[in-house]
Amino acid sequence: MGLELLLPVMIIALVALMFFQTSKQRKAMKELQQMQASLTVGDQVLTTSGLHATVVSVAEESLVLEIAPGVRTQWDRRVIREKLDLGTSPGSADGADGAGS
């Protein structure tokens, strides 16, 4: 009798797992889109290609990023992966770990 219930229980568990996984992905995507929409001039950002830059101009669909003093490039908003905190230097923890090895 236990084996007869095993398949339905496994199917229910699999469906529940798929539901929770997709809801987490939707939540993460929504948060990313909100962050991309809230970017303003002066924000430090990280692009999906790993480029660190400062936002110098904001348009509806694009941003102008300064990647070095006087070097400005135009990017689509959707390539911004992360808004960096000005108080901490990006990757400082990685550098400290690597120096100690």
PDB file of N, CA and C in Angstrom:
ATOM      1  N   MET A   1       0.820  -1.194   0.000  1.00  0.00           N
ATOM      2  CA  MET A   1       0.000   0.000   0.000  1.00  0.00           C
ATOM      3  C   MET A   1       0.867   1.263   0.000  1.00  0.00           C
ATOM      4  N   GLY A   2       2.031   1.207   0.618  1.00  0.00           N
ATOM      5  CA  GLY A   2       2.909   2.363   0.669  1.00  0.00           C
ATOM      6  C   GLY A   2       3.439   2.751  -0.698  1.00  0.00           C
ATOM      7  N   LEU A   3       3.718   1.759  -1.555  1.00  0.00           N
ATOM      8  CA  LEU A   3       4.229   2.040  -2.890  1.00  0.00           C
ATOM      9  C   LEU A   3       3.173   2.678  -3.781  1.00  0.00           C
ATOM     10  N   GLU A   4       1.916   2.390  -3.535  1.00  0.00           N
ATOM     11  CA  GLU A   4       0.834   2.974  -4.326  1.00  0.00           C
ATOM     12  C   GLU A   4       0.732   4.484  -4.100  1.00  0.00           C
ATOM     13  N   LEU A   5       1.096   4.923  -2.917  1.00  0.00           N
ATOM     14  CA  LEU A   5       1.029   6.352  -2.596  1.00  0.00           C
ATOM     15  C   LEU A   5       2.314   7.100  -2.944  1.00  0.00           C
ATOM     16  N   LEU A   6       3.376   6.360  -3.195  1.00  0.00           N
ATOM     17  CA  LEU A   6       4.673   6.991  -3.432  1.00  0.00           C
ATOM     18  C   LEU A   6       4.668   7.874  -4.687  1.00  0.00           C
ATOM     19  N   LEU A   7       4.149   7.377  -5.784  1.00  0.00           N
ATOM     20  CA  LEU A   7       4.144   8.151  -7.027  1.00  0.00           C
ATOM     21  C   LEU A   7       3.332   9.445  -6.911  1.00  0.00           C
ATOM     22  N   PRO A   8       2.088   9.408  -6.410  1.00  0.00           N
ATOM     23  CA  PRO A   8       1.348  10.676  -6.266  1.00  0.00           C
ATOM     24  C   PRO A   8       2.030  11.671  -5.324  1.00  0.00           C
ATOM     25  N   VAL A   9       2.622  11.187  -4.244  1.00  0.00           N
ATOM     26  CA  VAL A   9       3.312  12.073  -3.303  1.00  0.00           C
ATOM     27  C   VAL A   9       4.526  12.702  -3.978  1.00  0.00           C
ATOM     28  N   MET A  10       5.263  11.920  -4.751  1.00  0.00           N
ATOM     29  CA  MET A  10       6.436  12.456  -5.443  1.00  0.00           C
ATOM     30  C   MET A  10       6.028  13.491  -6.494  1.00  0.00           C
ATOM     31  N   ILE A  11       4.926  13.240  -7.196  1.00  0.00           N
ATOM     32  CA  ILE A  11       4.454  14.194  -8.201  1.00  0.00           C
ATOM     33  C   ILE A  11       4.029  15.500  -7.538  1.00  0.00           C
ATOM     34  N   ILE A  12       3.313  15.404  -6.432  1.00  0.00           N
ATOM     35  CA  ILE A  12       2.889  16.606  -5.706  1.00  0.00           C
ATOM     36  C   ILE A  12       4.104  17.378  -5.204  1.00  0.00           C
ATOM     37  N   ALA A  13       5.098  16.667  -4.677  1.00  0.00           N
ATOM     38  CA  ALA A  13       6.307  17.324  -4.184  1.00  0.00           C
ATOM     39  C   ALA A  13       7.055  18.019  -5.328  1.00  0.00           C
ATOM     40  N   LEU A  14       7.130  17.376  -6.474  1.00  0.00           N
ATOM     41  CA  LEU A  14       7.809  17.961  -7.626  1.00  0.00           C
ATOM     42  C   LEU A  14       7.094  19.216  -8.120  1.00  0.00           C
ATOM     43  N   VAL A  15       5.782  19.168  -8.195  1.00  0.00           N
ATOM     44  CA  VAL A  15       4.998  20.332  -8.625  1.00  0.00           C
ATOM     45  C   VAL A  15       5.180  21.484  -7.635  1.00  0.00           C
ATOM     46  N   ALA A  16       5.157  21.184  -6.339  1.00  0.00           N
ATOM     47  CA  ALA A  16       5.349  22.220  -5.323  1.00  0.00           C
ATOM     48  C   ALA A  16       6.740  22.837  -5.441  1.00  0.00           C
ATOM     49  N   LEU A  17       7.752  22.013  -5.651  1.00  0.00           N
ATOM     50  CA  LEU A  17       9.118  22.508  -5.800  1.00  0.00           C
ATOM     51  C   LEU A  17       9.234  23.424  -7.020  1.00  0.00           C
ATOM     52  N   MET A  18       8.641  23.021  -8.132  1.00  0.00           N
ATOM     53  CA  MET A  18       8.677  23.848  -9.340  1.00  0.00           C
ATOM     54  C   MET A  18       7.958  25.174  -9.115  1.00  0.00           C
ATOM     55  N   PHE A  19       6.844  25.159  -8.409  1.00  0.00           N
ATOM     56  CA  PHE A  19       6.100  26.389  -8.132  1.00  0.00           C
ATOM     57  C   PHE A  19       6.936  27.355  -7.304  1.00  0.00           C
ATOM     58  N   PHE A  20       7.548  26.856  -6.226  1.00  0.00           N
ATOM     59  CA  PHE A  20       8.334  27.732  -5.362  1.00  0.00           C
ATOM     60  C   PHE A  20       9.572  28.260  -6.080  1.00  0.00           C
ATOM     61  N   GLN A  21      10.186  27.443  -6.920  1.00  0.00           N
ATOM     62  CA  GLN A  21      11.366  27.880  -7.657  1.00  0.00           C
ATOM     63  C   GLN A  21      11.016  29.004  -8.630  1.00  0.00           C
ATOM     64  N   THR A  22       9.927  28.854  -9.372  1.00  0.00           N
ATOM     65  CA  THR A  22       9.557  29.897 -10.331  1.00  0.00           C
ATOM     66  C   THR A  22       9.112  31.171  -9.630  1.00  0.00           C
ATOM     67  N   SER A  23       8.477  31.044  -8.472  1.00  0.00           N
ATOM     68  CA  SER A  23       8.065  32.256  -7.753  1.00  0.00           C
ATOM     69  C   SER A  23       9.289  33.010  -7.229  1.00  0.00           C
ATOM     70  N   LYS A  24      10.339  32.290  -6.807  1.00  0.00           N
ATOM     71  CA  LYS A  24      11.571  32.947  -6.367  1.00  0.00           C
ATOM     72  C   LYS A  24      12.243  33.661  -7.537  1.00  0.00           C
ATOM     73  N   GLN A  25      12.228  33.031  -8.711  1.00  0.00           N
ATOM     74  CA  GLN A  25      12.830  33.649  -9.890  1.00  0.00           C
ATOM     75  C   GLN A  25      12.067  34.908 -10.297  1.00  0.00           C
ATOM     76  N   ARG A  26      10.743  34.848 -10.241  1.00  0.00           N
ATOM     77  CA  ARG A  26       9.937  36.029 -10.581  1.00  0.00           C
ATOM     78  C   ARG A  26      10.212  37.168  -9.609  1.00  0.00           C
ATOM     79  N   LYS A  27      10.339  36.857  -8.327  1.00  0.00           N
ATOM     80  CA  LYS A  27      10.612  37.883  -7.321  1.00  0.00           C
ATOM     81  C   LYS A  27      11.981  38.526  -7.578  1.00  0.00           C
ATOM     82  N   ALA A  28      12.986  37.703  -7.859  1.00  0.00           N
ATOM     83  CA  ALA A  28      14.324  38.226  -8.132  1.00  0.00           C
ATOM     84  C   ALA A  28      14.326  39.099  -9.387  1.00  0.00           C
ATOM     85  N   MET A  29      13.601  38.685 -10.421  1.00  0.00           N
ATOM     86  CA  MET A  29      13.523  39.462 -11.660  1.00  0.00           C
ATOM     87  C   MET A  29      12.825  40.796 -11.413  1.00  0.00           C
ATOM     88  N   LYS A  30      11.781  40.793 -10.608  1.00  0.00           N
ATOM     89  CA  LYS A  30      11.057  42.027 -10.302  1.00  0.00           C
ATOM     90  C   LYS A  30      11.957  42.998  -9.536  1.00  0.00           C
ATOM     91  N   GLU A  31      12.722  42.489  -8.563  1.00  0.00           N
ATOM     92  CA  GLU A  31      13.633  43.339  -7.797  1.00  0.00           C
ATOM     93  C   GLU A  31      14.712  43.930  -8.701  1.00  0.00           C
ATOM     94  N   LEU A  32      15.233  43.128  -9.634  1.00  0.00           N
ATOM     95  CA  LEU A  32      16.252  43.612 -10.563  1.00  0.00           C
ATOM     96  C   LEU A  32      15.692  44.721 -11.451  1.00  0.00           C
ATOM     97  N   GLN A  33      14.487  44.531 -11.957  1.00  0.00           N
ATOM     98  CA  GLN A  33      13.866  45.545 -12.811  1.00  0.00           C
ATOM     99  C   GLN A  33      13.590  46.832 -12.038  1.00  0.00           C
ATOM    100  N   GLN A  34      13.189  46.720 -10.770  1.00  0.00           N
ATOM    101  CA  GLN A  34      12.961  47.912  -9.949  1.00  0.00           C
ATOM    102  C   GLN A  34      14.265  48.661  -9.722  1.00  0.00           C
ATOM    103  N   MET A  35      15.351  47.928  -9.459  1.00  0.00           N
ATOM    104  CA  MET A  35      16.647  48.564  -9.259  1.00  0.00           C
ATOM    105  C   MET A  35      17.085  49.275 -10.534  1.00  0.00           C
ATOM    106  N   GLN A  36      16.920  48.618 -11.686  1.00  0.00           N
ATOM    107  CA  GLN A  36      17.312  49.222 -12.958  1.00  0.00           C
ATOM    108  C   GLN A  36      16.495  50.478 -13.251  1.00  0.00           C
ATOM    109  N   ALA A  37      15.229  50.484 -12.890  1.00  0.00           N
ATOM    110  CA  ALA A  37      14.370  51.646 -13.125  1.00  0.00           C
ATOM    111  C   ALA A  37      14.699  52.795 -12.178  1.00  0.00           C
ATOM    112  N   SER A  38      15.297  52.495 -11.020  1.00  0.00           N
ATOM    113  CA  SER A  38      15.559  53.531 -10.020  1.00  0.00           C
ATOM    114  C   SER A  38      16.948  54.158 -10.136  1.00  0.00           C
ATOM    115  N   LEU A  39      17.722  53.799 -11.140  1.00  0.00           N
ATOM    116  CA  LEU A  39      19.076  54.338 -11.277  1.00  0.00           C
ATOM    117  C   LEU A  39      19.043  55.840 -11.530  1.00  0.00           C
ATOM    118  N   THR A  40      19.963  56.550 -10.874  1.00  0.00           N
ATOM    119  CA  THR A  40      20.055  57.999 -11.019  1.00  0.00           C
ATOM    120  C   THR A  40      21.502  58.399 -11.286  1.00  0.00           C
ATOM    121  N   VAL A  41      21.686  59.630 -11.702  1.00  0.00           N
ATOM    122  CA  VAL A  41      23.023  60.156 -11.966  1.00  0.00           C
ATOM    123  C   VAL A  41      23.857  60.067 -10.692  1.00  0.00           C
ATOM    124  N   GLY A  42      25.083  59.573 -10.829  1.00  0.00           N
ATOM    125  CA  GLY A  42      25.993  59.449  -9.701  1.00  0.00           C
ATOM    126  C   GLY A  42      26.056  58.050  -9.113  1.00  0.00           C
ATOM    127  N   ASP A  43      25.126  57.186  -9.469  1.00  0.00           N
ATOM    128  CA  ASP A  43      25.142  55.815  -8.949  1.00  0.00           C
ATOM    129  C   ASP A  43      26.337  55.048  -9.510  1.00  0.00           C
ATOM    130  N   GLN A  44      26.975  54.270  -8.651  1.00  0.00           N
ATOM    131  CA  GLN A  44      28.028  53.353  -9.073  1.00  0.00           C
ATOM    132  C   GLN A  44      27.352  52.040  -9.428  1.00  0.00           C
ATOM    133  N   VAL A  45      27.649  51.487 -10.606  1.00  0.00           N
ATOM    134  CA  VAL A  45      26.964  50.282 -11.066  1.00  0.00           C
ATOM    135  C   VAL A  45      27.961  49.238 -11.562  1.00  0.00           C
ATOM    136  N   LEU A  46      27.456  48.010 -11.661  1.00  0.00           N
ATOM    137  CA  LEU A  46      28.196  46.894 -12.231  1.00  0.00           C
ATOM    138  C   LEU A  46      27.340  46.318 -13.349  1.00  0.00           C
ATOM    139  N   THR A  47      27.907  46.185 -14.543  1.00  0.00           N
ATOM    140  CA  THR A  47      27.147  45.647 -15.670  1.00  0.00           C
ATOM    141  C   THR A  47      27.242  44.127 -15.695  1.00  0.00           C
ATOM    142  N   THR A  48      26.431  43.509 -16.539  1.00  0.00           N
ATOM    143  CA  THR A  48      26.457  42.050 -16.666  1.00  0.00           C
ATOM    144  C   THR A  48      27.784  41.552 -17.220  1.00  0.00           C
ATOM    145  N   SER A  49      28.534  42.415 -17.895  1.00  0.00           N
ATOM    146  CA  SER A  49      29.843  42.023 -18.424  1.00  0.00           C
ATOM    147  C   SER A  49      30.974  42.282 -17.431  1.00  0.00           C
ATOM    148  N   GLY A  50      30.638  42.785 -16.245  1.00  0.00           N
ATOM    149  CA  GLY A  50      31.640  42.992 -15.207  1.00  0.00           C
ATOM    150  C   GLY A  50      32.271  44.372 -15.199  1.00  0.00           C
ATOM    151  N   LEU A  51      31.733  45.299 -15.949  1.00  0.00           N
ATOM    152  CA  LEU A  51      32.275  46.651 -16.034  1.00  0.00           C
ATOM    153  C   LEU A  51      31.767  47.493 -14.867  1.00  0.00           C
ATOM    154  N   HIS A  52      32.671  48.126 -14.142  1.00  0.00           N
ATOM    155  CA  HIS A  52      32.316  49.042 -13.061  1.00  0.00           C
ATOM    156  C   HIS A  52      32.279  50.447 -13.645  1.00  0.00           C
ATOM    157  N   ALA A  53      31.206  51.192 -13.353  1.00  0.00           N
ATOM    158  CA  ALA A  53      31.060  52.516 -13.955  1.00  0.00           C
ATOM    159  C   ALA A  53      30.191  53.404 -13.081  1.00  0.00           C
ATOM    160  N   THR A  54      30.149  54.691 -13.454  1.00  0.00           N
ATOM    161  CA  THR A  54      29.311  55.677 -12.789  1.00  0.00           C
ATOM    162  C   THR A  54      28.278  56.186 -13.782  1.00  0.00           C
ATOM    163  N   VAL A  55      27.025  56.277 -13.345  1.00  0.00           N
ATOM    164  CA  VAL A  55      25.951  56.781 -14.203  1.00  0.00           C
ATOM    165  C   VAL A  55      26.106  58.296 -14.316  1.00  0.00           C
ATOM    166  N   VAL A  56      26.208  58.807 -15.561  1.00  0.00           N
ATOM    167  CA  VAL A  56      26.338  60.253 -15.764  1.00  0.00           C
ATOM    168  C   VAL A  56      25.130  60.849 -16.475  1.00  0.00           C
ATOM    169  N   SER A  57      24.310  60.011 -17.097  1.00  0.00           N
ATOM    170  CA  SER A  57      23.114  60.492 -17.780  1.00  0.00           C
ATOM    171  C   SER A  57      22.098  59.363 -17.828  1.00  0.00           C
ATOM    172  N   VAL A  58      20.811  59.733 -17.653  1.00  0.00           N
ATOM    173  CA  VAL A  58      19.744  58.739 -17.621  1.00  0.00           C
ATOM    174  C   VAL A  58      18.696  59.092 -18.667  1.00  0.00           C
ATOM    175  N   ALA A  59      18.354  58.127 -19.509  1.00  0.00           N
ATOM    176  CA  ALA A  59      17.255  58.265 -20.468  1.00  0.00           C
ATOM    177  C   ALA A  59      16.251  57.155 -20.169  1.00  0.00           C
ATOM    178  N   GLU A  60      15.164  57.129 -20.919  1.00  0.00           N
ATOM    179  CA  GLU A  60      14.108  56.155 -20.641  1.00  0.00           C
ATOM    180  C   GLU A  60      14.599  54.715 -20.762  1.00  0.00           C
ATOM    181  N   GLU A  61      15.308  54.403 -21.828  1.00  0.00           N
ATOM    182  CA  GLU A  61      15.743  53.026 -22.077  1.00  0.00           C
ATOM    183  C   GLU A  61      17.248  52.822 -21.925  1.00  0.00           C
ATOM    184  N   SER A  62      18.010  53.905 -21.805  1.00  0.00           N
ATOM    185  CA  SER A  62      19.463  53.764 -21.785  1.00  0.00           C
ATOM    186  C   SER A  62      20.100  54.652 -20.730  1.00  0.00           C
ATOM    187  N   LEU A  63      21.378  54.396 -20.500  1.00  0.00           N
ATOM    188  CA  LEU A  63      22.182  55.160 -19.550  1.00  0.00           C
ATOM    189  C   LEU A  63      23.509  55.497 -20.214  1.00  0.00           C
ATOM    190  N   VAL A  64      24.088  56.618 -19.822  1.00  0.00           N
ATOM    191  CA  VAL A  64      25.454  56.910 -20.221  1.00  0.00           C
ATOM    192  C   VAL A  64      26.306  56.661 -18.989  1.00  0.00           C
ATOM    193  N   LEU A  65      27.300  55.784 -19.158  1.00  0.00           N
ATOM    194  CA  LEU A  65      28.168  55.404 -18.049  1.00  0.00           C
ATOM    195  C   LEU A  65      29.572  55.938 -18.285  1.00  0.00           C
ATOM    196  N   GLU A  66      30.181  56.433 -17.206  1.00  0.00           N
ATOM    197  CA  GLU A  66      31.573  56.869 -17.272  1.00  0.00           C
ATOM    198  C   GLU A  66      32.416  55.737 -16.701  1.00  0.00           C
ATOM    199  N   ILE A  67      33.273  55.161 -17.559  1.00  0.00           N
ATOM    200  CA  ILE A  67      34.070  54.012 -17.135  1.00  0.00           C
ATOM    201  C   ILE A  67      35.484  54.407 -16.731  1.00  0.00           C
ATOM    202  N   ALA A  68      35.892  55.610 -17.098  1.00  0.00           N
ATOM    203  CA  ALA A  68      37.167  56.204 -16.702  1.00  0.00           C
ATOM    204  C   ALA A  68      36.980  57.705 -16.854  1.00  0.00           C
ATOM    205  N   PRO A  69      37.831  58.510 -16.230  1.00  0.00           N
ATOM    206  CA  PRO A  69      37.657  59.953 -16.358  1.00  0.00           C
ATOM    207  C   PRO A  69      37.621  60.389 -17.830  1.00  0.00           C
ATOM    208  N   GLY A  70      36.490  60.975 -18.233  1.00  0.00           N
ATOM    209  CA  GLY A  70      36.319  61.460 -19.593  1.00  0.00           C
ATOM    210  C   GLY A  70      35.900  60.407 -20.614  1.00  0.00           C
ATOM    211  N   VAL A  71      35.789  59.147 -20.199  1.00  0.00           N
ATOM    212  CA  VAL A  71      35.398  58.071 -21.121  1.00  0.00           C
ATOM    213  C   VAL A  71      33.961  57.675 -20.813  1.00  0.00           C
ATOM    214  N   ARG A  72      33.061  58.018 -21.746  1.00  0.00           N
ATOM    215  CA  ARG A  72      31.632  57.763 -21.529  1.00  0.00           C
ATOM    216  C   ARG A  72      31.093  56.865 -22.635  1.00  0.00           C
ATOM    217  N   THR A  73      30.260  55.913 -22.238  1.00  0.00           N
ATOM    218  CA  THR A  73      29.646  54.994 -23.196  1.00  0.00           C
ATOM    219  C   THR A  73      28.166  54.865 -22.888  1.00  0.00           C
ATOM    220  N   GLN A  74      27.383  54.572 -23.921  1.00  0.00           N
ATOM    221  CA  GLN A  74      25.936  54.441 -23.745  1.00  0.00           C
ATOM    222  C   GLN A  74      25.579  52.961 -23.623  1.00  0.00           C
ATOM    223  N   TRP A  75      24.711  52.646 -22.649  1.00  0.00           N
ATOM    224  CA  TRP A  75      24.319  51.267 -22.362  1.00  0.00           C
ATOM    225  C   TRP A  75      22.810  51.176 -22.200  1.00  0.00           C
ATOM    226  N   ASP A  76      22.270  50.032 -22.507  1.00  0.00           N
ATOM    227  CA  ASP A  76      20.868  49.730 -22.246  1.00  0.00           C
ATOM    228  C   ASP A  76      20.711  49.496 -20.743  1.00  0.00           C
ATOM    229  N   ARG A  77      19.608  49.938 -20.161  1.00  0.00           N
ATOM    230  CA  ARG A  77      19.379  49.764 -18.718  1.00  0.00           C
ATOM    231  C   ARG A  77      19.429  48.302 -18.283  1.00  0.00           C
ATOM    232  N   ARG A  78      19.001  47.407 -19.172  1.00  0.00           N
ATOM    233  CA  ARG A  78      18.880  45.994 -18.809  1.00  0.00           C
ATOM    234  C   ARG A  78      20.215  45.311 -18.558  1.00  0.00           C
ATOM    235  N   VAL A  79      21.334  45.942 -18.919  1.00  0.00           N
ATOM    236  CA  VAL A  79      22.635  45.314 -18.681  1.00  0.00           C
ATOM    237  C   VAL A  79      23.192  45.638 -17.299  1.00  0.00           C
ATOM    238  N   ILE A  80      22.507  46.477 -16.537  1.00  0.00           N
ATOM    239  CA  ILE A  80      22.968  46.802 -15.189  1.00  0.00           C
ATOM    240  C   ILE A  80      22.565  45.667 -14.257  1.00  0.00           C
ATOM    241  N   ARG A  81      23.562  45.013 -13.688  1.00  0.00           N
ATOM    242  CA  ARG A  81      23.318  43.864 -12.823  1.00  0.00           C
ATOM    243  C   ARG A  81      23.167  44.263 -11.365  1.00  0.00           C
ATOM    244  N   GLU A  82      23.881  45.325 -10.969  1.00  0.00           N
ATOM    245  CA  GLU A  82      23.937  45.650  -9.551  1.00  0.00           C
ATOM    246  C   GLU A  82      24.269  47.121  -9.352  1.00  0.00           C
ATOM    247  N   LYS A  83      23.655  47.722  -8.335  1.00  0.00           N
ATOM    248  CA  LYS A  83      24.019  49.078  -7.924  1.00  0.00           C
ATOM    249  C   LYS A  83      24.972  48.913  -6.751  1.00  0.00           C
ATOM    250  N   LEU A  84      26.171  49.487  -6.869  1.00  0.00           N
ATOM    251  CA  LEU A  84      27.201  49.303  -5.854  1.00  0.00           C
ATOM    252  C   LEU A  84      27.071  50.340  -4.753  1.00  0.00           C
ATOM    253  N   ASP A  85      27.453  49.942  -3.551  1.00  0.00           N
ATOM    254  CA  ASP A  85      27.449  50.830  -2.396  1.00  0.00           C
ATOM    255  C   ASP A  85      28.709  51.684  -2.446  1.00  0.00           C
ATOM    256  N   LEU A  86      28.544  52.996  -2.354  1.00  0.00           N
ATOM    257  CA  LEU A  86      29.695  53.903  -2.420  1.00  0.00           C
ATOM    258  C   LEU A  86      30.630  53.754  -1.233  1.00  0.00           C
ATOM    259  N   GLY A  87      30.120  53.261  -0.103  1.00  0.00           N
ATOM    260  CA  GLY A  87      30.923  53.157   1.109  1.00  0.00           C
ATOM    261  C   GLY A  87      31.915  52.015   1.106  1.00  0.00           C
ATOM    262  N   THR A  88      31.716  51.023   0.251  1.00  0.00           N
ATOM    263  CA  THR A  88      32.621  49.879   0.218  1.00  0.00           C
ATOM    264  C   THR A  88      33.214  49.751  -1.166  1.00  0.00           C
ATOM    265  N   SER A  89      34.439  49.277  -1.218  1.00  0.00           N
ATOM    266  CA  SER A  89      35.032  49.078  -2.538  1.00  0.00           C
ATOM    267  C   SER A  89      34.660  47.697  -3.037  1.00  0.00           C
ATOM    268  N   PRO A  90      34.228  47.576  -4.283  1.00  0.00           N
ATOM    269  CA  PRO A  90      33.796  46.289  -4.808  1.00  0.00           C
ATOM    270  C   PRO A  90      34.933  45.284  -4.841  1.00  0.00           C
ATOM    271  N   GLY A  91      34.651  44.074  -4.383  1.00  0.00           N
ATOM    272  CA  GLY A  91      35.632  43.002  -4.429  1.00  0.00           C
ATOM    273  C   GLY A  91      36.724  43.117  -3.385  1.00  0.00           C
ATOM    274  N   SER A  92      36.574  43.990  -2.389  1.00  0.00           N
ATOM    275  CA  SER A  92      37.625  44.149  -1.392  1.00  0.00           C
ATOM    276  C   SER A  92      37.813  42.891  -0.568  1.00  0.00           C
ATOM    277  N   ALA A  93      36.737  42.150  -0.319  1.00  0.00           N
ATOM    278  CA  ALA A  93      36.853  40.907   0.440  1.00  0.00           C
ATOM    279  C   ALA A  93      37.641  39.876  -0.353  1.00  0.00           C
ATOM    280  N   ASP A  94      37.435  39.809  -1.669  1.00  0.00           N
ATOM    281  CA  ASP A  94      38.165  38.862  -2.505  1.00  0.00           C
ATOM    282  C   ASP A  94      39.651  39.190  -2.507  1.00  0.00           C
ATOM    283  N   GLY A  95      39.977  40.469  -2.578  1.00  0.00           N
ATOM    284  CA  GLY A  95      41.374  40.877  -2.588  1.00  0.00           C
ATOM    285  C   GLY A  95      42.071  40.534  -1.287  1.00  0.00           C
ATOM    286  N   ALA A  96      41.366  40.672  -0.168  1.00  0.00           N
ATOM    287  CA  ALA A  96      41.956  40.357   1.126  1.00  0.00           C
ATOM    288  C   ALA A  96      42.216  38.866   1.243  1.00  0.00           C
ATOM    289  N   ASP A  97      41.287  38.051   0.745  1.00  0.00           N
ATOM    290  CA  ASP A  97      41.469  36.609   0.815  1.00  0.00           C
ATOM    291  C   ASP A  97      42.627  36.169  -0.074  1.00  0.00           C
ATOM    292  N   GLY A  98      42.711  36.755  -1.262  1.00  0.00           N
ATOM    293  CA  GLY A  98      43.758  36.373  -2.204  1.00  0.00           C
ATOM    294  C   GLY A  98      45.134  36.782  -1.711  1.00  0.00           C
ATOM    295  N   ALA A  99      45.244  37.899  -1.003  1.00  0.00           N
ATOM    296  CA  ALA A  99      46.530  38.377  -0.518  1.00  0.00           C
ATOM    297  C   ALA A  99      47.066  37.489   0.586  1.00  0.00           C
ATOM    298  N   GLY A 100      46.158  36.873   1.341  1.00  0.00           N
ATOM    299  CA  GLY A 100      46.585  36.039   2.459  1.00  0.00           C
ATOM    300  C   GLY A 100      47.018  34.658   2.042  1.00  0.00           C
ATOM    301  N   SER A 101      46.759  34.269   0.797  1.00  0.00           N
ATOM    302  CA  SER A 101      47.101  32.907   0.350  1.00  0.00           C
ATOM    303  C   SER A 101      48.550  32.792   0.012  1.00  0.00           C
TER     304      SER A 101
END
